[in-house]
Protein backbone atom coordinates (compact mmCIF):
# COMPACT_ATOMS: atom_id res chain seq x y z
CA MET A 1 -181.84 25.31 11.75
CA THR A 2 -182.68 25.96 15.32
CA VAL A 3 -180.77 25.89 18.62
CA ALA A 4 -182.37 23.70 20.99
CA ALA A 5 -182.24 25.28 24.59
CA ALA A 6 -183.26 23.55 27.64
CA ALA A 7 -186.69 24.91 28.81
CA ALA A 8 -186.98 23.31 32.26
CA PRO A 9 -184.62 24.27 35.07
CA GLY A 10 -181.64 21.92 35.33
CA ARG A 11 -181.78 20.43 31.89
CA ARG A 12 -178.78 20.63 29.63
CA TRP A 13 -178.55 23.26 26.64
CA THR A 14 -177.61 21.51 23.35
CA LEU A 15 -177.53 22.36 19.83
CA SER A 16 -179.99 20.70 17.29
CA ALA A 17 -178.84 18.15 14.80
CA PRO A 18 -178.33 20.58 11.88
CA TRP A 19 -176.29 22.89 14.12
CA ARG A 20 -174.23 20.08 15.01
CA MET A 21 -173.39 19.12 11.63
CA ALA A 22 -172.89 22.68 10.53
CA LEU A 23 -170.25 23.16 13.21
CA ALA A 24 -168.64 19.90 12.51
CA SER A 25 -168.29 20.84 8.88
CA LEU A 26 -166.29 24.09 10.34
CA LEU A 27 -164.18 22.02 12.37
CA PHE A 28 -163.51 19.54 9.58
CA ALA A 29 -162.34 22.50 7.35
CA LEU A 30 -160.09 23.84 9.94
CA MET A 31 -158.56 20.28 10.19
CA GLY A 32 -158.31 20.32 6.54
CA VAL A 33 -155.80 23.44 6.95
CA GLY A 34 -153.96 21.49 9.36
CA VAL A 35 -153.41 18.60 7.15
CA LYS A 36 -152.20 20.88 4.35
CA PHE A 37 -149.60 22.26 6.48
CA ALA A 38 -148.84 19.02 8.19
CA SER A 39 -148.45 17.09 4.71
CA ALA A 40 -145.02 18.82 4.09
CA GLN A 41 -143.74 16.84 7.17
CA TYR A 42 -145.78 13.65 7.39
CA GLY A 43 -147.04 11.02 5.00
CA ALA A 44 -151.05 10.31 4.78
CA GLY A 45 -150.45 7.16 7.03
CA GLU A 46 -148.99 8.92 9.96
CA ILE A 47 -151.55 11.79 10.12
CA VAL A 48 -154.22 9.09 10.04
CA PHE A 49 -152.55 7.47 12.74
CA TYR A 50 -151.95 10.32 14.90
CA ARG A 51 -155.40 11.95 14.42
CA SER A 52 -157.09 8.62 15.40
CA LEU A 53 -154.51 8.26 18.39
CA MET A 54 -155.86 11.45 19.60
CA GLY A 55 -159.36 10.65 19.13
CA LEU A 56 -158.95 7.09 20.83
CA VAL A 57 -157.54 8.92 24.00
CA LEU A 58 -160.27 11.52 24.09
CA MET A 59 -163.10 9.35 23.52
CA ALA A 60 -161.87 6.66 26.04
CA GLY A 61 -161.58 9.49 28.77
CA LEU A 62 -164.90 10.85 27.76
CA LEU A 63 -166.44 7.36 28.09
CA ARG A 64 -164.85 6.90 31.50
CA LEU A 65 -166.09 10.44 32.65
CA ARG A 66 -169.62 9.50 31.81
CA GLY A 67 -169.53 6.15 33.35
CA LEU A 68 -170.15 4.30 29.91
CA SER A 69 -168.66 1.14 29.07
CA TRP A 70 -166.44 0.60 25.83
CA ARG A 71 -168.27 -2.91 25.44
CA THR A 72 -171.01 -2.92 22.97
CA PRO A 73 -174.05 -5.34 22.27
CA VAL A 74 -173.53 -4.79 18.52
CA PRO A 75 -169.95 -5.36 17.85
CA ALA A 76 -170.69 -6.42 14.27
CA MET A 77 -172.16 -3.07 13.60
CA HIS A 78 -169.29 -1.20 14.81
CA PHE A 79 -166.99 -3.36 13.03
CA TRP A 80 -168.75 -2.52 9.51
CA ARG A 81 -169.00 1.27 10.46
CA SER A 82 -165.38 1.52 11.61
CA ALA A 83 -164.11 -0.51 8.33
CA SER A 84 -165.99 1.35 6.06
CA GLY A 85 -165.28 4.82 7.52
CA THR A 86 -161.42 3.92 8.12
CA THR A 87 -161.12 2.56 4.59
CA ALA A 88 -162.72 5.74 3.11
CA LEU A 89 -160.61 8.02 5.12
CA CYS A 90 -157.30 6.18 4.03
CA LEU A 91 -158.73 6.19 0.37
CA TRP A 92 -159.31 9.89 0.85
CA PHE A 93 -155.82 10.95 1.85
CA TYR A 94 -154.33 8.77 -0.93
CA ALA A 95 -156.48 10.50 -3.57
CA ILE A 96 -155.31 14.11 -2.23
CA GLY A 97 -151.80 12.83 -3.03
CA VAL A 98 -152.58 11.85 -6.86
CA LEU A 99 -155.24 14.27 -7.69
CA PRO A 100 -155.78 18.01 -7.94
CA LEU A 101 -157.11 18.98 -4.53
CA ALA A 102 -160.51 20.27 -6.17
CA THR A 103 -161.02 17.21 -7.97
CA ALA A 104 -160.28 14.78 -4.81
CA MET A 105 -162.65 17.01 -2.91
CA THR A 106 -165.34 16.84 -5.15
CA LEU A 107 -165.51 13.00 -5.70
CA ASN A 108 -165.26 12.61 -2.06
CA TYR A 109 -168.09 14.85 -1.54
CA THR A 110 -170.41 12.62 -3.56
CA ALA A 111 -171.11 10.97 -0.01
CA PRO A 112 -174.53 12.85 0.27
CA VAL A 113 -175.31 12.00 -3.19
CA TRP A 114 -174.74 8.28 -2.57
CA ILE A 115 -176.83 8.54 0.56
CA ALA A 116 -179.97 9.87 -1.43
CA LEU A 117 -179.38 6.75 -4.08
CA PHE A 118 -179.09 4.43 -1.25
CA LEU A 119 -182.50 5.81 0.25
CA MET A 120 -184.21 5.91 -2.97
CA GLY A 121 -183.32 2.44 -3.63
CA GLY A 122 -184.80 1.42 -0.20
CA THR A 123 -187.86 3.25 -1.41
CA VAL A 124 -188.03 1.27 -4.73
CA LEU A 125 -187.44 -1.89 -2.82
CA LEU A 126 -189.70 -1.29 0.37
CA GLY A 127 -192.34 0.78 -1.25
CA PRO A 128 -193.44 4.38 -1.14
CA GLY A 129 -193.34 5.92 2.39
CA ARG A 130 -191.31 2.91 3.91
CA ALA A 131 -187.87 4.43 3.70
CA GLY A 132 -189.04 7.87 4.22
CA VAL A 133 -187.60 9.65 1.20
CA ASP A 134 -188.66 13.25 0.38
CA GLY A 135 -188.09 14.02 -3.43
CA ARG A 136 -187.56 17.54 -2.45
CA VAL A 137 -184.73 16.86 -0.01
CA VAL A 138 -182.99 14.91 -2.75
CA THR A 139 -183.37 17.56 -4.95
CA ALA A 140 -181.57 19.90 -2.26
CA VAL A 141 -178.90 17.47 -2.15
CA MET A 142 -178.27 17.53 -5.72
CA ALA A 143 -178.15 21.34 -5.91
CA GLY A 144 -175.76 21.13 -2.99
CA PHE A 145 -173.49 19.11 -4.93
CA ALA A 146 -174.16 21.49 -8.16
CA GLY A 147 -172.65 24.08 -5.57
CA VAL A 148 -169.66 22.33 -5.04
CA LEU A 149 -168.80 21.67 -8.66
CA LEU A 150 -169.25 25.50 -9.02
CA VAL A 151 -166.63 26.14 -6.23
CA LEU A 152 -164.23 23.57 -7.06
CA ARG A 153 -164.49 23.30 -10.81
CA PRO A 154 -162.67 19.96 -10.82
CA THR A 155 -160.59 18.58 -13.76
CA LEU A 156 -159.50 15.06 -14.36
CA GLN A 157 -156.67 14.12 -16.82
CA GLN A 158 -156.46 10.69 -18.67
CA GLU A 159 -153.61 9.33 -16.17
CA GLN A 160 -155.69 10.48 -13.30
CA LEU A 161 -158.46 8.09 -13.83
CA TRP A 162 -157.36 5.41 -11.08
CA GLY A 163 -157.35 8.27 -8.44
CA GLY A 164 -160.58 9.45 -9.58
CA LEU A 165 -162.09 6.05 -8.99
CA ILE A 166 -160.27 5.80 -5.47
CA ALA A 167 -161.85 9.25 -4.69
CA LEU A 168 -165.31 8.15 -5.97
CA LEU A 169 -165.00 4.74 -3.79
CA SER A 170 -164.13 6.95 -0.91
CA GLY A 171 -167.39 8.86 -1.23
CA LEU A 172 -169.35 5.64 -1.71
CA LEU A 173 -167.81 4.11 1.48
CA SER A 174 -168.15 7.45 3.53
CA ALA A 175 -172.08 7.28 2.58
CA MET A 176 -172.15 3.52 3.80
CA ALA A 177 -170.28 4.81 7.26
CA TYR A 178 -172.54 7.67 7.69
CA LEU A 179 -175.88 5.49 7.38
CA GLN A 180 -174.31 3.06 9.77
CA VAL A 181 -173.79 5.90 12.25
CA SER A 182 -177.37 6.88 11.67
CA ALA A 183 -178.31 3.01 12.44
CA LEU A 184 -176.25 2.93 15.41
CA GLY A 185 -177.83 6.02 16.92
CA ARG A 186 -181.37 4.74 16.20
CA ILE A 187 -180.54 1.69 18.64
CA GLY A 188 -179.16 3.68 21.24
CA GLU A 189 -175.39 3.50 20.81
CA PRO A 190 -173.61 6.55 22.75
CA GLY A 191 -171.65 8.74 19.92
CA GLU A 192 -168.49 8.46 22.22
CA ARG A 193 -168.51 4.79 21.74
CA VAL A 194 -169.13 4.96 17.96
CA VAL A 195 -166.11 7.26 17.52
CA PHE A 196 -163.92 5.45 20.13
CA TYR A 197 -164.15 2.23 17.98
CA PHE A 198 -163.73 4.31 14.60
CA SER A 199 -160.67 5.90 16.14
CA LEU A 200 -159.39 2.38 17.21
CA SER A 201 -159.81 1.18 13.63
CA GLY A 202 -158.05 4.42 12.47
CA VAL A 203 -155.03 3.70 14.88
CA VAL A 204 -154.49 0.30 13.32
CA ALA A 205 -154.99 1.16 9.80
CA GLY A 206 -152.87 4.30 9.94
CA LEU A 207 -149.96 2.68 11.72
CA ALA A 208 -149.97 -0.08 9.10
CA LEU A 209 -149.91 2.50 6.27
CA ALA A 210 -147.01 4.47 7.94
CA LEU A 211 -144.99 1.53 8.66
CA ALA A 212 -145.39 -0.02 5.06
CA SER A 213 -144.41 3.57 3.63
CA GLY A 214 -141.12 4.07 5.65
CA GLY A 215 -142.16 4.39 9.17
CA LEU A 216 -142.88 7.37 11.34
CA HIS A 217 -140.87 10.67 10.96
CA ALA A 218 -139.13 12.45 13.85
CA HIS A 219 -141.24 15.33 15.46
CA THR A 220 -140.75 19.05 15.60
CA LEU A 221 -142.53 21.34 17.79
CA ARG A 222 -144.26 22.73 14.89
CA GLY A 223 -145.24 19.35 13.52
CA ALA A 224 -146.05 17.91 17.19
CA LEU A 225 -148.70 21.01 17.52
CA LEU A 226 -150.11 20.48 14.03
CA LEU A 227 -150.81 16.79 14.80
CA LEU A 228 -152.33 17.52 18.14
CA ALA A 229 -154.58 20.48 16.62
CA ILE A 230 -155.49 18.00 13.70
CA GLY A 231 -156.42 15.19 16.09
CA ALA A 232 -158.50 17.59 18.43
CA LEU A 233 -160.31 19.22 15.49
CA ALA A 234 -161.23 15.86 14.03
CA THR A 235 -162.18 14.23 17.09
CA VAL A 236 -164.69 16.90 18.12
CA ALA A 237 -165.91 17.20 14.67
CA GLN A 238 -166.30 13.49 14.31
CA TRP A 239 -168.39 13.36 17.73
CA LEU A 240 -170.61 16.22 16.53
CA MET A 241 -171.10 14.59 13.14
CA THR A 242 -171.83 11.16 14.77
CA SER A 243 -174.46 12.84 17.15
CA ALA A 244 -175.99 14.56 14.45
CA TYR A 245 -176.58 11.60 12.20
CA ALA A 246 -177.99 9.75 15.17
CA ALA A 247 -180.45 12.36 15.85
CA GLY A 248 -181.48 13.61 12.39
CA SER A 249 -182.49 12.67 8.92
CA ALA A 250 -179.40 11.17 7.26
CA MET A 251 -180.24 12.55 4.10
CA ALA A 252 -181.02 16.22 5.47
CA ILE A 253 -177.81 16.03 7.67
CA SER A 254 -175.73 14.91 4.82
CA ALA A 255 -176.55 17.88 2.70
CA LEU A 256 -175.23 20.11 5.19
CA GLN A 257 -171.90 18.43 4.95
CA TYR A 258 -171.50 20.73 1.70
CA LEU A 259 -171.00 23.58 4.14
CA GLY A 260 -167.46 22.27 4.73
CA ILE A 261 -166.84 23.44 1.03
CA ALA A 262 -167.78 26.93 1.74
CA TYR A 263 -165.77 27.02 4.93
CA ALA A 264 -162.75 25.55 3.12
CA PHE A 265 -162.96 28.12 0.33
CA GLY A 266 -163.03 31.14 2.92
CA LEU A 267 -159.99 29.52 4.51
CA GLY A 268 -158.34 28.99 1.33
CA VAL A 269 -158.86 32.61 0.28
CA TRP A 270 -157.74 33.96 3.83
CA LEU A 271 -154.63 31.64 4.23
CA PHE A 272 -153.52 30.77 0.75
CA ASP A 273 -154.57 33.54 -1.26
CA ASP A 274 -157.06 31.56 -3.61
CA PRO A 275 -158.73 33.44 -6.26
CA VAL A 276 -162.31 34.55 -5.42
CA THR A 277 -164.61 33.88 -8.67
CA LEU A 278 -168.03 34.57 -9.44
CA PRO A 279 -168.83 30.77 -9.91
CA ALA A 280 -167.44 30.33 -6.59
CA LEU A 281 -169.37 32.96 -4.82
CA ALA A 282 -172.58 31.41 -6.77
CA GLY A 283 -171.68 27.87 -5.61
CA MET A 284 -171.21 28.74 -2.02
CA ALA A 285 -174.64 30.33 -1.96
CA LEU A 286 -176.21 27.38 -3.64
CA ILE A 287 -174.53 25.25 -1.03
CA VAL A 288 -175.69 27.02 1.92
CA ALA A 289 -179.29 27.49 0.23
CA ALA A 290 -179.55 23.50 -0.29
CA GLY A 291 -178.37 22.88 3.35
CA ILE A 292 -181.06 25.36 4.64
CA ALA A 293 -183.64 23.92 2.30
CA ALA A 294 -183.03 20.17 3.07
CA THR A 295 -183.25 20.89 6.89
CA GLN A 296 -186.39 22.90 6.60
CA LEU A 297 -187.95 20.42 4.40
CA ARG A 298 -187.24 17.50 6.71
CA GLY A 299 -188.45 19.61 9.63
CA ARG A 300 -192.00 19.62 7.69
CA ALA A 301 -191.88 16.12 6.37
CA PRO A 302 -192.87 12.84 8.19
CA ARG A 303 -189.86 11.65 10.23
CA SER A 304 -189.90 8.06 9.40
CA ASP A 305 -186.03 8.05 8.60
CA ALA A 306 -185.23 10.05 11.91
CA SER A 307 -184.26 8.63 15.22
CA PRO A 308 -186.36 8.72 18.40
CA THR A 309 -183.53 10.41 20.15
CA GLU A 310 -183.89 13.44 17.75
CA THR A 311 -183.74 16.89 19.64
């Protein structure tokens, strides 16, 4: 991973796509800490609603600041990206409530594996070289998922099979959403507009879920601050992730999502006294190595699945 800096005078300093994804994973992990604290006071639908409302306001302001219109020439693409992403988010929060956290996280983090399978399927259908899939990158993705298993060591009881299927479906829909984000980036849709429509979808779905499960709770100062932090962290992370998928290889970028598990593990040890085990340390090392390997391999491979806007 390299930091892309401006060489010419007056040109903006920016981060390369892998660094954007690495930073997004850290912010998502911090958001997860906020969700863990906020869950004692708010339901899953409420958290989705407030998180998305913050994103909607921030992205609307950013669109206006940059002089970009919220109107899009590809509304259907935004609809499917928002529908798949919002459904995945709601299913993810549901799975956290009915499954052990480690199991829910592991099944949700199958998204990069699904992306690899989708792109491999494209190679079979279109022919070698058409879908731009490097077998070594696929191996790195699978190694990263093995690292996730080592860190989280998930378990699933007989009565938790339904929740497990929901979490697995969340990972599948997340993979579809990420590929759609990558496609939107290739046709030149700005990341702010992509996140704007995703946030709008989350506001509608989150409010509907909240009202269906008893309505919105009254706020305390602590609760309001937690919701603000969750919304801000999620919005910036979503924006970074969107720009990373738009600018880089979908499969290589997806491998870097696993860094979120390493971040979450460190935060769990620091804030919640989670135990440190040898398998967990080995898993974190495997996750980091897989992310670096996927990024470096894509840097040397033909860029047939990369956006022409890649840094």
